[in-house]
Protein backbone atom coordinates (compact mmCIF):
# COMPACT_ATOMS: atom_id res chain seq x y z
CA MET A 1 27.81 73.24 4.40
CA ASP A 2 28.14 75.06 0.56
CA TRP A 3 24.51 75.47 -2.20
CA ILE A 4 24.07 76.11 -5.67
CA LEU A 5 20.89 78.44 -4.98
CA GLY A 6 18.73 78.31 -8.21
CA LEU A 7 17.44 81.13 -8.79
CA ALA A 8 14.44 81.13 -11.10
CA LEU A 9 13.20 84.84 -11.17
CA ARG A 10 9.94 84.55 -11.84
CA PRO A 11 6.43 85.24 -9.55
CA ASN A 12 5.80 83.23 -6.80
CA GLY A 13 9.12 81.75 -7.36
CA GLU A 14 11.01 83.01 -3.19
CA GLY A 15 10.42 79.65 -1.55
CA ALA A 16 13.98 78.45 -2.07
CA ILE A 17 15.71 82.05 -1.41
CA GLN A 18 13.47 82.36 2.03
CA LEU A 19 15.04 78.21 2.24
CA ALA A 20 18.18 80.30 1.82
CA CYS A 21 17.69 82.22 4.79
CA TRP A 22 16.56 80.05 7.06
CA LEU A 23 19.77 78.22 6.23
CA ALA A 24 21.95 81.51 6.42
CA GLY A 25 20.60 82.73 9.87
CA LEU A 26 21.00 79.29 11.33
CA GLY A 27 24.93 80.52 11.49
CA ARG A 28 26.62 76.75 11.14
CA GLY A 29 28.59 77.69 8.07
CA HIS A 30 26.13 77.61 5.38
CA ALA A 31 27.14 79.67 1.66
CA PHE A 32 25.20 79.76 -1.67
CA PHE A 33 26.31 79.95 -4.73
CA PRO A 34 23.64 82.13 -6.34
CA LEU A 35 22.97 81.07 -10.37
CA HIS A 36 20.06 81.95 -12.53
CA VAL A 37 20.66 80.56 -15.92
CA LEU A 38 19.42 81.93 -19.23
CA GLU A 39 18.63 79.37 -21.76
CA ASP A 40 19.45 79.57 -25.23
CA GLU A 41 15.07 79.04 -26.95
CA HIS A 42 14.41 81.68 -24.46
CA LEU A 43 17.82 83.96 -25.55
CA ARG A 44 16.86 82.78 -28.96
CA MET A 45 13.14 84.80 -28.73
CA VAL A 46 14.27 88.17 -26.36
CA LEU A 47 17.21 88.88 -28.81
CA ARG A 48 15.52 89.48 -31.66
CA HIS A 49 14.42 93.17 -30.77
CA HIS A 50 17.05 93.15 -27.51
CA HIS A 51 21.28 93.39 -27.52
CA LEU A 52 22.56 90.54 -25.15
CA ASP A 53 24.24 92.99 -22.88
CA GLU A 54 20.43 94.39 -22.61
CA VAL A 55 19.50 91.00 -21.57
CA THR A 56 22.42 90.13 -18.97
CA GLU A 57 21.75 93.60 -17.22
CA GLY A 58 18.34 93.10 -16.70
CA ALA A 59 18.84 89.74 -15.31
CA ARG A 60 21.44 91.05 -13.30
CA ARG A 61 19.01 93.51 -11.75
CA ALA A 62 16.27 91.24 -10.90
CA ALA A 63 18.91 88.96 -9.33
CA ARG A 64 19.85 91.05 -7.42
CA ALA A 65 16.47 93.01 -6.00
CA ALA A 66 15.47 89.00 -5.46
CA LEU A 67 18.25 88.58 -3.47
CA GLU A 68 18.43 91.59 -1.34
CA PRO A 69 16.91 89.14 1.52
CA LEU A 70 19.94 86.87 2.10
CA ALA A 71 21.64 89.86 1.93
CA ALA A 72 20.47 90.48 4.61
CA ARG A 73 21.46 87.65 6.30
CA GLY A 74 24.70 88.45 6.19
CA ALA A 75 25.30 85.56 3.49
CA GLN A 76 27.49 86.82 0.24
CA ALA A 77 23.81 87.20 -2.46
CA GLU A 78 26.02 88.02 -5.04
CA PRO A 79 24.02 86.95 -8.44
CA HIS A 80 26.33 84.34 -11.03
CA LEU A 81 24.74 84.09 -14.95
CA ALA A 82 25.51 81.58 -16.71
CA GLN A 83 23.72 81.30 -20.63
CA ALA A 84 23.17 76.82 -21.27
CA PRO A 85 20.94 75.17 -23.79
CA ASP A 86 19.18 73.58 -20.80
CA ALA A 87 19.33 75.22 -16.84
CA ALA A 88 19.21 71.72 -14.71
CA GLY A 89 22.33 70.60 -17.02
CA ALA A 90 24.07 74.11 -15.77
CA LEU A 91 22.76 73.80 -12.16
CA ALA A 92 23.86 70.23 -12.06
CA GLU A 93 27.26 71.56 -13.68
CA ALA A 94 27.87 73.74 -12.08
CA CYS A 95 27.25 71.35 -8.42
CA ARG A 96 30.05 69.28 -9.49
CA THR A 97 32.52 72.56 -11.26
CA ARG A 98 32.36 73.45 -6.59
CA ALA A 99 32.04 70.50 -5.70
CA ALA A 100 28.79 71.39 -3.88
CA ASP A 101 26.55 69.63 -1.09
CA GLY A 102 23.51 70.03 -2.80
CA ILE A 103 21.50 72.02 -4.98
CA VAL A 104 18.74 74.13 -3.42
CA ILE A 105 15.67 75.83 -6.28
CA GLY A 106 11.81 75.96 -5.60
CA ARG A 107 9.26 74.36 -7.30
CA ALA A 108 6.92 75.64 -9.56
CA GLY A 109 3.63 74.67 -7.49
CA ARG A 110 2.20 76.56 -4.60
CA ARG A 111 1.55 74.64 -1.55
CA GLU A 112 -2.17 75.35 -2.06
CA GLY A 113 -4.18 74.62 -5.14
CA GLY A 114 -4.61 72.29 -8.15
CA GLY A 115 -2.44 72.62 -11.17
CA LEU A 116 -0.72 70.10 -14.05
CA VAL A 117 2.00 71.49 -13.41
CA ARG A 118 3.29 71.19 -10.29
CA LEU A 119 7.53 70.50 -9.99
CA GLY A 120 8.24 72.72 -13.36
CA ARG A 121 10.80 71.21 -16.04
CA VAL A 122 13.86 72.24 -13.99
CA ALA A 123 13.20 70.42 -10.80
CA ARG A 124 12.04 67.46 -13.15
CA GLY A 125 15.01 66.88 -14.69
CA LEU A 126 17.16 67.60 -12.00
CA LEU A 127 15.32 65.18 -10.06
CA ARG A 128 15.86 62.59 -12.75
CA SER A 129 19.52 63.46 -12.91
CA LEU A 130 20.06 63.88 -9.18
CA PRO A 131 24.16 65.40 -9.62
CA ALA A 132 23.76 65.39 -5.75
CA PRO A 133 21.36 65.95 -3.21
CA VAL A 134 18.11 68.60 -4.31
CA ILE A 135 16.72 70.44 -1.02
CA VAL A 136 13.08 71.79 -3.73
CA ALA A 137 11.53 74.28 -1.24
CA PRO A 138 7.19 75.31 -2.46
CA PRO A 139 7.90 79.02 -4.05
CA ASP A 140 5.39 80.46 -0.91
CA LEU A 141 7.52 79.28 1.36
CA SER A 142 8.57 82.28 4.21
CA LEU A 143 10.81 82.14 7.34
CA ALA A 144 7.76 82.10 9.14
CA ASP A 145 6.83 78.47 7.66
CA VAL A 146 9.99 76.49 8.14
CA GLY A 147 8.93 74.36 11.38
CA ASP A 148 10.81 74.37 14.13
CA GLY A 149 11.13 70.15 14.90
CA PRO A 150 13.00 67.69 13.87
CA VAL A 151 14.54 66.66 10.29
CA VAL A 152 12.32 63.77 9.89
CA ALA A 153 14.21 61.04 7.36
CA LEU A 154 12.16 58.19 5.04
CA VAL A 155 14.26 55.12 5.97
CA LYS A 156 13.63 51.66 5.29
CA LEU A 157 14.62 49.22 6.69
CA ALA A 158 16.92 47.47 4.82
CA PRO A 159 21.21 46.98 5.89
CA GLY A 160 22.84 50.16 5.53
CA SER A 161 20.49 54.04 4.64
CA PRO A 162 22.44 57.20 2.67
CA VAL A 163 18.44 58.59 3.36
CA LEU A 164 19.51 58.57 7.21
CA ASP A 165 23.30 59.14 6.93
CA ALA A 166 22.24 62.76 4.33
CA ALA A 167 19.56 63.06 7.83
CA ARG A 168 21.78 63.56 9.72
CA ALA A 169 24.15 65.00 8.69
CA LEU A 170 21.46 67.79 7.05
CA ALA A 171 20.57 67.82 11.06
CA THR A 172 23.21 68.33 12.42
CA ALA A 173 24.04 71.28 9.89
CA THR A 174 21.32 72.81 10.72
CA GLY A 175 21.20 72.32 14.58
CA ARG A 176 17.93 69.93 15.42
CA ALA A 177 17.45 66.15 16.55
CA LEU A 178 16.81 63.52 13.91
CA LEU A 179 13.09 61.21 13.58
CA ALA A 180 13.76 58.27 11.41
CA VAL A 181 10.31 57.25 9.92
CA HIS A 182 9.20 53.66 8.68
CA VAL A 183 5.49 54.07 6.45
CA VAL A 184 3.59 50.55 6.98
CA ALA A 185 2.33 50.63 3.56
CA ASP A 186 -1.53 49.83 3.61
CA GLU A 187 -1.72 47.96 0.67
CA GLU A 188 -6.07 47.28 1.18
CA GLU A 189 -5.78 43.25 0.90
CA GLY A 190 -8.63 40.94 2.29
CA PRO A 191 -11.88 44.24 1.40
CA TYR A 192 -13.95 40.87 1.03
CA LEU A 193 -12.48 40.43 4.79
CA PRO A 194 -14.65 40.96 7.85
CA LEU A 195 -13.24 44.57 9.09
CA ALA A 196 -12.52 43.22 12.79
CA THR A 197 -10.10 40.94 10.95
CA ARG A 198 -8.24 43.50 8.58
CA GLU A 199 -7.83 45.41 12.11
CA HIS A 200 -6.37 42.75 13.88
CA ALA A 201 -3.64 42.24 10.97
CA ALA A 202 -3.13 45.52 10.73
CA ARG A 203 -2.18 46.00 14.24
CA GLU A 204 0.18 42.58 13.77
CA GLU A 205 2.06 43.92 10.65
CA LEU A 206 2.51 47.65 12.65
CA ALA A 207 3.66 46.19 15.42
CA ASP A 208 6.24 43.13 13.20
CA ALA A 209 7.05 46.35 11.26
CA GLU A 210 7.90 48.19 14.73
CA ALA A 211 9.90 45.75 16.77
CA ARG A 212 12.07 45.55 13.21
CA LEU A 213 12.19 49.27 13.58
CA ALA A 214 13.85 49.01 16.49
CA THR A 215 16.68 46.56 16.34
CA TRP A 216 17.35 48.64 12.75
CA ALA A 217 17.10 51.61 13.77
CA ALA A 218 19.68 49.96 16.91
CA GLU A 219 21.87 49.24 14.33
CA HIS A 220 22.26 52.56 12.69
CA GLY A 221 22.76 54.52 15.80
CA LEU A 222 19.25 55.74 17.04
CA ALA A 223 18.60 56.70 20.43
CA ALA A 224 15.13 55.19 21.46
CA GLY A 225 13.56 58.06 20.02
CA GLN A 226 14.20 58.91 17.24
CA ALA A 227 12.81 55.87 15.24
CA VAL A 228 8.53 55.73 14.80
CA ALA A 229 6.65 53.41 12.82
CA VAL A 230 2.80 54.66 10.95
CA PRO A 231 0.38 52.32 9.15
CA GLY A 232 -0.72 54.35 6.17
CA ARG A 233 0.22 55.24 2.47
CA THR A 234 3.78 56.70 1.99
CA VAL A 235 3.00 60.59 0.75
CA GLU A 236 0.08 60.59 3.13
CA ARG A 237 1.22 59.42 6.15
CA ALA A 238 5.00 60.61 5.71
CA ILE A 239 4.04 64.22 5.27
CA GLY A 240 1.66 64.07 8.45
CA VAL A 241 4.00 63.03 10.27
CA ALA A 242 6.64 65.78 8.53
CA VAL A 243 4.02 68.22 9.47
CA GLU A 244 2.36 67.44 13.09
CA ARG A 245 6.90 67.30 14.26
CA ARG A 246 6.66 71.08 12.67
CA ALA A 247 10.01 69.17 11.05
CA PRO A 248 11.84 71.87 8.68
CA LEU A 249 13.07 69.23 6.00
CA LEU A 250 11.53 65.95 5.09
CA VAL A 251 14.78 64.26 3.32
CA VAL A 252 13.95 61.05 1.34
CA GLY A 253 15.90 58.61 -1.80
CA GLY A 254 15.45 58.68 -5.14
CA ARG A 255 17.09 57.28 -7.92
CA ARG A 256 18.06 58.46 -11.96
CA THR A 257 15.88 58.42 -14.69
CA SER A 258 15.85 59.21 -18.78
CA PRO A 259 13.44 60.98 -19.00
CA ALA A 260 11.22 57.79 -20.90
CA GLY A 261 12.51 56.83 -18.02
CA ALA A 262 10.27 59.11 -15.60
CA LEU A 263 6.89 59.06 -17.74
CA LEU A 264 6.70 55.41 -16.31
CA GLY A 265 6.22 56.12 -12.67
CA ALA A 266 6.96 59.45 -10.92
CA GLY A 267 9.15 58.38 -7.95
CA LEU A 268 8.46 58.62 -4.25
CA GLY A 269 11.25 61.71 -3.75
CA ARG A 270 9.96 63.65 -7.02
CA GLU A 271 5.77 63.28 -5.72
CA LEU A 272 6.64 63.62 -2.46
CA ALA A 273 8.43 66.98 -4.07
CA ALA A 274 5.83 68.08 -6.02
CA ILE A 275 3.54 68.18 -3.33
CA SER A 276 5.00 68.31 -0.20
CA PRO A 277 4.04 71.43 2.29
CA LEU A 278 8.12 72.19 3.52
CA PRO A 279 10.80 71.48 1.56
CA VAL A 280 12.38 67.69 0.51
CA ALA A 281 15.52 66.92 0.50
CA VAL A 282 15.95 64.43 -2.05
CA ILE A 283 18.76 61.88 -2.07
CA PRO A 284 20.50 60.11 -4.81
CA LEU A 285 21.04 57.23 -4.61
CA GLY A 286 22.19 55.54 -8.02
CA PRO A 287 19.46 54.74 -10.99
């Protein structure tokens, strides 16, 4: 698979490169186009004190140093620089121009700890536009953190499944098994009812979901054991199952939104990408 690799060149920003190292080390034909974007606003500030050649040469040196682990894995690691008004737009344009399979980037927030900014501006922009599948890695991800379990797909029980299709392709491209996970959302309805009544209703709902999932899985070519239904809150349970199964990737769908629309809700893909301790691949589902 061919990937655009976004280079942030910031402290604690090696997660995307470490994920690329893992992919490159699989020996399955993964190729990378490492790209660092010099945004116009940043350039306007630094060019008050430095010549453009100095800035670009400094960025190129920093990018080459950051890419040394990828070069050590035998991957093409010569960085490319672009000048553009917006880094997310430049990465998306590179993906379209090169007909790449997707984009690999890092997020701002670490796997542990809080902070108001979790995804970072560029990651947020890409997850709003979703020009292609976007894999978001925690910034402090290391090779040792990449799990040895199946690629996990968070699925809904609807005809056809772009998320399952993408997860299946990623599983094949990484030599991993595939696991489809359907979360039966805990709605917390009827808190005034006796606990035994609520527990009985939850068991019935889960049993119904498992039956529907078995039919759905067979229709989508999944073997026994490749699909599970679990109860709980969607984000927490999806991450919990992925961590328990030592998944290298969690695959989820996302819809394109405008900046104004994104203010109305994070969206499941963006929410998972912002807090997951493992890389999240967000697959475009349309507007």
